[in-house]
Amino acid sequence: MKKTRVVITGMGIVAPNATRLSQFEQAIKAGKSGIEFHQQLKDLKFSCQIGGIPEISQVILDSNFTALEQRGLLATGLIYGGIAGQEAWKNAQLEINDELDTDTGIIFGTGVLGVEKLREAFNKIDDKQVRRLGSTSVLQTMASGISAFLGGKLGCGNQVTSNSSACTTGTEALLMGCERIQYGKAKRMLVGSCSDSGPYVWGGFDALRILPYQYNDTPEVASQPMSATASGFVPSSGAGALMLESLESALERGANIYAEVLGGHINSGGQREHGSMTAPNSTAVKSCISQAVVDAGVNSEEIDLINGHLTATAMDATEIENWSQALRLTGKDFPYINSLKSHVGHALAAAGSLELVSSVLELKGGFIFPNLNCEMVHPDILKLIDEDKIPRKLIEKKINLLAKASFGFGDVNACVILKSYTNE
């Protein structure tokens, strides 16, 4: 069966370094960090008192949520996802009307949603004030709250659901939505992911002492993917959204096309062969990458850029080794590689979608954003690839093929191959 070609016709973003697509593109080109010190974390006696939290103005809230929806709105993930999803819809030049759109669906994932709202609920239950929880408490705390919210806002009548696969959530959502279009089950799928911010999400990681607490006074240099001095990931949050569409539908309505999704692969390492809840099974990672290349119908040598998972932990060197072995490329033949986490930290369930938006901007705009805080590359990485393949400054360069992968908590993997679109 011949698969339908799938393209990206709209995007939306809420990131720690910028909210809105044009501002985000400017930020990643300029190497603007979104990591800041947060007094609340210090007051709670966190070891790591820094993180990435998007700034949302009242103007942006009012343009995306009604006054009723804003009443008691504490679920930051729902806020971020609601804004990013609606921006992607508008960016794709789609209209909202009273008719049900059965051609368009949503797969928009999260890790945990509405932790602050749950905390409020528990406190009110303890105080015997259950009736004061508010009419939006269920929406804000159910796992599918974000997809349900966007489905109602946009009137989508195809599949509307949420997925949850830790750091892999956003990349997985894109591949799931792509497959639905490829097999003719939908014309358009809004895909993405979001993550709550704050101490009740990040507390467990702080307790594990895996966050870079040494940089509380210099937060902008704390996230150091691929660096010899990397000391842990910086917790972050936000949302990214992408409108996937069949090429036929996009051309029919004269849509702006950002890029094409050529193919990809999803798998799990089963926490075997040295894989665990927190460490990936390298055999499965390499299989995921190589199968994505096969599914996309391209050769490894054609890939110009990798937007890596790269979390600023000891696993960065292992990830580079896995890429090198899967693609069978080393030294100067290895593609350029960068990590958005050096700019915005690790946004957990939102990470994949934030990084996908940055990847598509690179393809469309012809640039490679710089890796921050990587003045001294880890020596094990330099044994595998040339240092020039890890750009520390913005490179203006035509990118044709890009590989993006996410390797998530629980030993789950997803890799997608994206292509710049030209009107053939």
Protein backbone atom coordinates (compact mmCIF):
# COMPACT_ATOMS: atom_id res chain seq x y z
CA MET A 1 0.00 0.00 0.00
CA LYS A 2 1.38 3.38 -1.03
CA LYS A 3 1.63 5.75 1.92
CA THR A 4 0.33 9.30 1.75
CA ARG A 5 3.05 11.96 1.99
CA VAL A 6 2.90 14.00 5.20
CA VAL A 7 4.04 17.60 5.62
CA ILE A 8 4.12 20.15 8.44
CA THR A 9 1.98 23.22 7.82
CA GLY A 10 1.84 24.94 11.20
CA MET A 11 3.70 25.17 14.50
CA GLY A 12 3.34 26.70 17.95
CA ILE A 13 5.73 27.02 20.86
CA VAL A 14 5.85 27.97 24.53
CA ALA A 15 9.45 27.71 25.73
CA PRO A 16 11.48 29.10 28.63
CA ASN A 17 13.45 31.37 26.29
CA ALA A 18 10.51 32.60 24.19
CA THR A 19 6.78 32.27 23.64
CA ARG A 20 5.50 32.46 20.05
CA LEU A 21 7.20 31.04 16.98
CA SER A 22 9.01 34.08 15.58
CA GLN A 23 10.45 35.03 18.98
CA PHE A 24 11.58 31.45 19.56
CA GLU A 25 13.42 31.34 16.24
CA GLN A 26 15.22 34.57 17.11
CA ALA A 27 16.09 33.21 20.56
CA ILE A 28 17.66 29.95 19.38
CA LYS A 29 19.62 31.73 16.66
CA ALA A 30 20.98 34.19 19.22
CA GLY A 31 21.74 31.49 21.78
CA LYS A 32 19.40 33.00 24.36
CA SER A 33 19.16 30.91 27.53
CA GLY A 34 15.81 30.35 29.21
CA ILE A 35 17.26 29.06 32.48
CA GLU A 36 16.81 31.27 35.56
CA PHE A 37 17.12 31.21 39.34
CA HIS A 38 13.78 30.74 41.14
CA GLN A 39 13.37 32.02 44.68
CA GLN A 40 10.53 29.57 45.35
CA LEU A 41 12.93 26.64 44.92
CA LYS A 42 15.37 28.23 47.35
CA ASP A 43 12.60 28.85 49.88
CA LEU A 44 11.67 25.16 49.64
CA LYS A 45 15.32 24.27 50.26
CA PHE A 46 15.87 22.61 46.89
CA SER A 47 19.51 21.81 46.14
CA CYS A 48 19.03 22.92 42.52
CA GLN A 49 17.27 26.29 42.53
CA ILE A 50 17.23 26.92 38.79
CA GLY A 51 14.91 25.88 35.99
CA GLY A 52 13.17 26.84 32.79
CA ILE A 53 9.71 28.37 33.17
CA PRO A 54 8.01 30.15 30.23
CA GLU A 55 6.75 33.69 30.75
CA ILE A 56 3.07 34.02 29.84
CA SER A 57 1.58 37.49 29.65
CA GLN A 58 -2.03 38.28 30.47
CA VAL A 59 -2.50 39.33 26.85
CA ILE A 60 -1.53 35.85 25.66
CA LEU A 61 -3.75 34.23 28.29
CA ASP A 62 -6.73 36.35 27.23
CA SER A 63 -6.22 35.48 23.57
CA ASN A 64 -6.27 31.72 24.28
CA PHE A 65 -8.55 31.22 27.29
CA THR A 66 -11.94 32.67 28.19
CA ALA A 67 -12.46 34.34 31.56
CA LEU A 68 -14.30 31.21 32.74
CA GLU A 69 -11.46 28.95 31.61
CA GLN A 70 -8.95 31.12 33.44
CA ARG A 71 -10.88 30.89 36.70
CA GLY A 72 -8.85 28.67 39.02
CA LEU A 73 -6.46 27.75 36.19
CA LEU A 74 -3.35 26.28 37.84
CA ALA A 75 -2.31 23.52 35.42
CA THR A 76 0.72 25.09 33.78
CA GLY A 77 1.02 22.25 31.27
CA LEU A 78 -2.53 22.88 30.10
CA ILE A 79 -1.75 26.59 29.76
CA TYR A 80 1.42 25.94 27.75
CA GLY A 81 -0.16 23.28 25.56
CA GLY A 82 -3.33 25.28 25.01
CA ILE A 83 -1.32 28.26 23.77
CA ALA A 84 1.07 26.24 21.58
CA GLY A 85 -1.71 24.14 20.06
CA GLN A 86 -3.85 27.13 19.15
CA GLU A 87 -0.83 28.95 17.71
CA ALA A 88 -0.06 25.96 15.48
CA TRP A 89 -3.66 25.93 14.25
CA LYS A 90 -3.58 29.64 13.40
CA ASN A 91 -0.09 29.34 11.93
CA ALA A 92 -1.45 26.65 9.59
CA GLN A 93 -4.11 29.19 8.49
CA LEU A 94 -6.96 26.98 9.58
CA GLU A 95 -10.29 28.43 10.65
CA ILE A 96 -12.43 27.63 13.67
CA ASN A 97 -16.14 27.32 12.98
CA ASP A 98 -19.23 25.69 14.44
CA GLU A 99 -19.07 22.64 12.17
CA LEU A 100 -17.34 19.45 13.30
CA ASP A 101 -14.06 18.89 11.44
CA THR A 102 -13.97 15.10 10.99
CA ASP A 103 -10.80 15.29 8.87
CA THR A 104 -8.66 16.66 11.70
CA GLY A 105 -7.56 14.95 14.90
CA ILE A 106 -5.23 15.54 17.83
CA ILE A 107 -2.51 13.52 19.55
CA PHE A 108 -1.14 15.79 22.26
CA GLY A 109 0.72 14.21 25.15
CA THR A 110 2.00 15.00 28.61
CA GLY A 111 3.72 13.38 31.56
CA VAL A 112 1.73 14.64 34.51
CA LEU A 113 -0.85 17.38 34.24
CA GLY A 114 -2.19 19.75 36.84
CA VAL A 115 0.02 18.87 39.80
CA GLU A 116 -0.62 22.30 41.36
CA LYS A 117 -4.37 21.83 40.86
CA LEU A 118 -4.19 18.41 42.51
CA ARG A 119 -2.33 19.92 45.46
CA GLU A 120 -5.04 22.57 45.80
CA ALA A 121 -7.68 19.85 45.63
CA PHE A 122 -6.04 17.79 48.35
CA ASN A 123 -5.81 20.82 50.60
CA LYS A 124 -9.47 21.69 50.10
CA ILE A 125 -10.56 18.11 50.69
CA ASP A 126 -8.59 18.13 53.94
CA ASP A 127 -10.35 21.37 54.86
CA LYS A 128 -13.73 19.92 53.88
CA GLN A 129 -14.11 22.44 51.05
CA VAL A 130 -14.60 19.93 48.23
CA ARG A 131 -17.32 21.99 46.55
CA ARG A 132 -14.86 24.85 46.08
CA LEU A 133 -12.59 22.89 43.74
CA GLY A 134 -14.10 24.64 40.72
CA SER A 135 -15.66 23.48 37.49
CA THR A 136 -12.31 23.13 35.68
CA SER A 137 -10.61 20.86 38.22
CA VAL A 138 -11.32 17.64 36.29
CA LEU A 139 -10.08 19.06 32.98
CA GLN A 140 -6.89 20.30 34.61
CA THR A 141 -5.98 17.01 36.25
CA MET A 142 -7.00 14.25 33.85
CA ALA A 143 -4.23 12.86 31.63
CA SER A 144 -6.11 13.71 28.44
CA GLY A 145 -7.00 17.20 29.62
CA ILE A 146 -4.80 18.93 27.05
CA SER A 147 -6.10 17.01 24.02
CA ALA A 148 -9.70 17.37 25.27
CA PHE A 149 -9.25 21.11 25.73
CA LEU A 150 -7.76 21.62 22.26
CA GLY A 151 -10.33 19.29 20.68
CA GLY A 152 -13.15 21.42 22.03
CA LYS A 153 -11.50 24.70 21.14
CA LEU A 154 -10.80 23.66 17.56
CA GLY A 155 -13.77 21.39 16.86
CA CYS A 156 -11.72 18.34 15.84
CA GLY A 157 -13.79 15.25 15.05
CA ASN A 158 -11.12 12.71 14.15
CA GLN A 159 -9.10 10.84 16.78
CA VAL A 160 -8.47 13.08 19.80
CA THR A 161 -6.21 11.57 22.45
CA SER A 162 -3.16 12.00 24.67
CA ASN A 163 -0.04 9.85 24.81
CA SER A 164 2.49 9.66 27.62
CA SER A 165 6.01 8.26 27.18
CA ALA A 166 8.19 10.51 29.35
CA CYS A 167 10.83 12.43 27.34
CA THR A 168 9.79 10.59 24.15
CA THR A 169 6.18 11.84 24.28
CA GLY A 170 6.41 14.65 21.71
CA THR A 171 8.38 12.71 19.10
CA GLU A 172 6.13 9.70 19.59
CA ALA A 173 3.02 11.89 19.15
CA LEU A 174 4.35 13.15 15.82
CA LEU A 175 5.00 9.65 14.52
CA MET A 176 1.59 8.42 15.70
CA GLY A 177 -0.15 11.34 13.99
CA CYS A 178 1.93 10.89 10.86
CA GLU A 179 0.97 7.23 10.59
CA ARG A 180 -2.72 8.09 10.84
CA ILE A 181 -2.40 10.43 7.84
CA GLN A 182 -0.15 8.04 5.90
CA TYR A 183 -2.85 5.37 5.97
CA GLY A 184 -5.69 7.71 5.03
CA LYS A 185 -7.42 7.83 8.40
CA ALA A 186 -7.10 11.62 8.70
CA LYS A 187 -6.14 14.60 6.57
CA ARG A 188 -4.65 16.61 9.41
CA MET A 189 -3.36 15.82 12.90
CA LEU A 190 -2.35 18.39 15.50
CA VAL A 191 0.47 16.77 17.49
CA GLY A 192 2.67 17.88 20.36
CA SER A 193 3.34 17.62 24.06
CA CYS A 194 3.47 19.72 27.20
CA SER A 195 4.86 19.60 30.71
CA ASP A 196 3.98 21.31 33.98
CA SER A 197 6.58 23.46 35.72
CA GLY A 198 7.50 23.92 39.35
CA PRO A 199 8.61 22.17 42.52
CA TYR A 200 5.94 19.46 42.59
CA VAL A 201 7.14 18.20 39.20
CA TRP A 202 10.85 18.72 39.74
CA GLY A 203 11.10 17.68 43.41
CA GLY A 204 11.74 14.01 42.72
CA PHE A 205 14.68 14.79 40.46
CA ASP A 206 16.14 17.15 43.05
CA ALA A 207 15.84 14.41 45.66
CA LEU A 208 17.87 12.12 43.39
CA ARG A 209 20.66 14.74 43.31
CA ILE A 210 20.93 14.53 39.52
CA LEU A 211 20.41 18.26 38.86
CA PRO A 212 23.26 20.81 38.51
CA TYR A 213 22.95 22.50 41.91
CA GLN A 214 26.46 23.99 41.50
CA TYR A 215 25.10 26.66 39.17
CA ASN A 216 22.43 28.38 41.29
CA ASP A 217 24.34 31.67 40.93
CA THR A 218 24.98 31.26 37.18
CA PRO A 219 21.88 29.53 35.79
CA GLU A 220 22.47 30.38 32.15
CA VAL A 221 25.62 28.20 32.02
CA ALA A 222 24.18 25.23 33.91
CA SER A 223 22.88 23.16 30.98
CA GLN A 224 25.96 21.69 29.28
CA PRO A 225 25.12 18.91 26.79
CA MET A 226 28.19 17.14 25.33
CA SER A 227 30.50 19.09 27.62
CA ALA A 228 33.30 17.57 29.67
CA THR A 229 31.99 19.55 32.65
CA ALA A 230 28.31 18.55 32.34
CA SER A 231 26.88 17.83 35.79
CA GLY A 232 23.22 17.01 35.23
CA PHE A 233 20.13 18.22 33.41
CA VAL A 234 18.31 21.45 34.22
CA PRO A 235 14.56 20.89 34.81
CA SER A 236 12.35 22.81 32.44
CA SER A 237 8.83 23.03 31.02
CA GLY A 238 6.73 24.28 28.12
CA ALA A 239 4.94 22.95 25.05
CA GLY A 240 5.43 22.49 21.34
CA ALA A 241 2.80 21.80 18.68
CA LEU A 242 2.94 20.86 14.99
CA MET A 243 0.16 20.59 12.43
CA LEU A 244 0.69 17.52 10.26
CA GLU A 245 -1.19 17.38 6.98
CA SER A 246 -1.34 15.23 3.89
CA LEU A 247 0.58 16.83 1.06
CA GLU A 248 -2.53 16.67 -1.11
CA SER A 249 -4.59 18.59 1.45
CA ALA A 250 -1.85 21.16 2.01
CA LEU A 251 -1.44 21.85 -1.71
CA GLU A 252 -5.18 21.96 -2.24
CA ARG A 253 -5.64 24.78 0.24
CA GLY A 254 -2.37 26.56 -0.63
CA ALA A 255 -0.87 26.09 2.82
CA ASN A 256 2.64 27.15 3.78
CA ILE A 257 4.74 23.99 4.05
CA TYR A 258 7.57 23.99 6.59
CA ALA A 259 8.98 20.50 6.05
CA GLU A 260 8.12 16.92 5.14
CA VAL A 261 8.05 13.95 7.50
CA LEU A 262 9.79 11.14 5.64
CA GLY A 263 9.47 8.43 8.27
CA GLY A 264 10.57 7.21 11.66
CA HIS A 265 10.49 4.45 14.22
CA ILE A 266 9.35 3.83 17.81
CA ASN A 267 10.61 1.05 20.08
CA SER A 268 11.61 0.10 23.61
CA GLY A 269 14.74 -1.42 25.10
CA GLY A 270 12.69 -3.40 27.60
CA GLN A 271 15.15 -2.42 30.35
CA ARG A 272 17.42 -5.24 29.20
CA GLU A 273 21.09 -5.35 28.11
CA HIS A 274 22.18 -2.65 30.60
CA GLY A 275 19.03 -0.66 29.90
CA SER A 276 17.04 0.44 32.95
CA MET A 277 14.31 2.83 34.01
CA THR A 278 16.77 5.72 33.62
CA ALA A 279 19.38 4.39 31.17
CA PRO A 280 18.62 3.36 27.58
CA ASN A 281 19.39 -0.03 26.11
CA SER A 282 21.93 0.95 23.44
CA THR A 283 20.98 -1.97 21.18
CA ALA A 284 17.39 -0.71 21.03
CA VAL A 285 18.51 2.90 20.54
CA LYS A 286 20.67 1.95 17.57
CA SER A 287 17.85 -0.16 16.13
CA CYS A 288 15.41 2.74 16.49
CA ILE A 289 17.74 5.09 14.60
CA SER A 290 18.60 2.63 11.82
CA GLN A 291 14.97 1.58 11.34
CA ALA A 292 13.94 5.25 11.11
CA VAL A 293 16.46 5.74 8.32
CA VAL A 294 15.13 2.67 6.49
CA ASP A 295 11.51 3.77 6.93
CA ALA A 296 12.38 7.21 5.53
CA GLY A 297 14.05 5.64 2.49
CA VAL A 298 17.28 7.62 2.82
CA ASN A 299 20.96 6.87 3.30
CA SER A 300 22.77 7.81 6.49
CA GLU A 301 25.31 9.85 4.51
CA GLU A 302 22.51 12.16 3.37
CA ILE A 303 21.64 13.36 6.89
CA ASP A 304 22.94 16.90 7.38
CA LEU A 305 22.01 17.48 11.02
CA ILE A 306 21.01 15.61 14.16
CA ASN A 307 18.90 17.37 16.79
CA GLY A 308 19.84 15.10 19.66
CA HIS A 309 18.23 14.09 22.92
CA LEU A 310 21.48 15.01 24.74
CA THR A 311 20.57 15.86 28.33
CA ALA A 312 23.89 17.11 29.80
CA THR A 313 24.47 13.88 31.72
CA ALA A 314 27.01 11.06 31.56
CA MET A 315 24.83 9.43 28.88
CA ASP A 316 25.66 12.08 26.24
CA ALA A 317 28.83 10.28 25.12
CA THR A 318 26.88 7.01 24.92
CA GLU A 319 24.21 8.70 22.80
CA ILE A 320 26.83 9.99 20.35
CA GLU A 321 28.36 6.50 20.18
CA ASN A 322 24.92 5.03 19.43
CA TRP A 323 24.29 7.58 16.67
CA SER A 324 27.73 6.91 15.19
CA GLN A 325 27.28 3.14 15.17
CA ALA A 326 23.68 3.25 13.91
CA LEU A 327 24.53 5.61 11.05
CA ARG A 328 27.98 4.05 10.49
CA LEU A 329 29.50 7.50 10.39
CA THR A 330 32.49 8.86 12.31
CA GLY A 331 34.91 11.78 12.30
CA LYS A 332 34.31 14.41 9.65
CA ASP A 333 31.64 12.22 7.97
CA PHE A 334 29.37 12.47 11.01
CA PRO A 335 26.51 15.01 10.61
CA TYR A 336 26.37 18.27 12.54
CA ILE A 337 24.69 17.76 15.93
CA ASN A 338 23.09 20.15 18.40
CA SER A 339 21.02 20.08 21.58
CA LEU A 340 18.20 22.50 22.34
CA LYS A 341 18.55 21.57 26.01
CA SER A 342 21.61 23.80 26.17
CA HIS A 343 19.18 26.70 25.61
CA VAL A 344 16.07 25.67 27.55
CA GLY A 345 16.98 22.74 29.78
CA HIS A 346 15.16 19.41 29.85
CA ALA A 347 11.43 20.01 29.48
CA LEU A 348 10.58 16.38 30.31
CA ALA A 349 7.42 15.33 28.40
CA ALA A 350 7.55 18.59 26.41
CA ALA A 351 11.19 18.11 25.36
CA GLY A 352 10.53 16.19 22.14
CA SER A 353 8.00 18.66 20.77
CA LEU A 354 10.10 21.72 21.67
CA GLU A 355 13.04 20.14 19.89
CA LEU A 356 10.93 19.17 16.88
CA VAL A 357 9.79 22.77 16.44
CA SER A 358 13.42 23.94 16.62
CA SER A 359 14.37 21.25 14.08
CA VAL A 360 11.72 22.33 11.59
CA LEU A 361 12.77 25.97 11.96
CA GLU A 362 16.33 24.94 11.11
CA LEU A 363 15.15 23.11 7.99
CA LYS A 364 12.90 25.93 6.83
CA GLY A 365 15.28 28.75 7.73
CA GLY A 366 18.55 27.19 6.60
CA PHE A 367 20.52 27.44 9.84
CA ILE A 368 22.01 25.39 12.66
CA PHE A 369 21.50 26.89 16.11
CA PRO A 370 24.57 26.87 18.39
CA ASN A 371 25.31 24.53 21.26
CA LEU A 372 25.69 26.59 24.41
CA ASN A 373 28.06 25.89 27.31
CA CYS A 374 30.14 23.40 25.38
CA GLU A 375 33.53 25.09 25.25
CA MET A 376 35.23 21.83 26.29
CA VAL A 377 33.69 18.82 24.54
CA HIS A 378 33.67 15.52 26.43
CA PRO A 379 36.82 13.58 25.39
CA ASP A 380 34.87 10.36 24.70
CA ILE A 381 32.79 12.25 22.14
CA LEU A 382 35.89 13.61 20.41
CA LYS A 383 37.10 10.05 19.91
CA LEU A 384 34.11 9.50 17.65
CA ILE A 385 33.37 12.72 15.77
CA ASP A 386 35.16 15.89 14.73
CA GLU A 387 34.77 18.83 17.09
CA ASP A 388 33.65 21.01 14.15
CA LYS A 389 30.47 18.90 14.01
CA ILE A 390 29.40 20.42 17.35
CA PRO A 391 28.83 24.09 16.39
CA ARG A 392 29.23 26.68 19.13
CA LYS A 393 28.12 29.55 16.89
CA LEU A 394 25.15 30.00 14.56
CA ILE A 395 25.76 28.46 11.15
CA GLU A 396 23.79 29.71 8.17
CA LYS A 397 23.54 26.60 6.01
CA LYS A 398 20.99 24.86 3.82
CA ILE A 399 19.75 21.75 5.64
CA ASN A 400 18.05 19.07 3.55
CA LEU A 401 17.71 16.08 5.91
CA LEU A 402 17.49 16.19 9.69
CA ALA A 403 17.23 13.36 12.23
CA LYS A 404 15.51 14.00 15.56
CA ALA A 405 15.35 11.42 18.33
CA SER A 406 14.11 11.21 21.91
CA PHE A 407 15.13 8.56 24.44
CA GLY A 408 12.80 8.52 27.42
CA PHE A 409 12.55 7.43 31.04
CA GLY A 410 11.45 3.79 31.06
CA ASP A 411 13.78 2.89 28.14
CA VAL A 412 11.49 4.08 25.32
CA ASN A 413 12.74 5.54 22.04
CA ALA A 414 11.49 7.46 19.01
CA CYS A 415 13.34 8.78 15.97
CA VAL A 416 12.01 10.76 13.03
CA ILE A 417 13.59 11.86 9.75
CA LEU A 418 12.52 15.29 8.46
CA LYS A 419 13.20 16.81 5.04
CA SER A 420 13.13 20.38 3.82
CA TYR A 421 10.25 20.80 1.39
CA THR A 422 10.63 22.09 -2.12
CA ASN A 423 7.79 22.43 -4.60
CA GLU A 424 8.69 19.63 -6.96
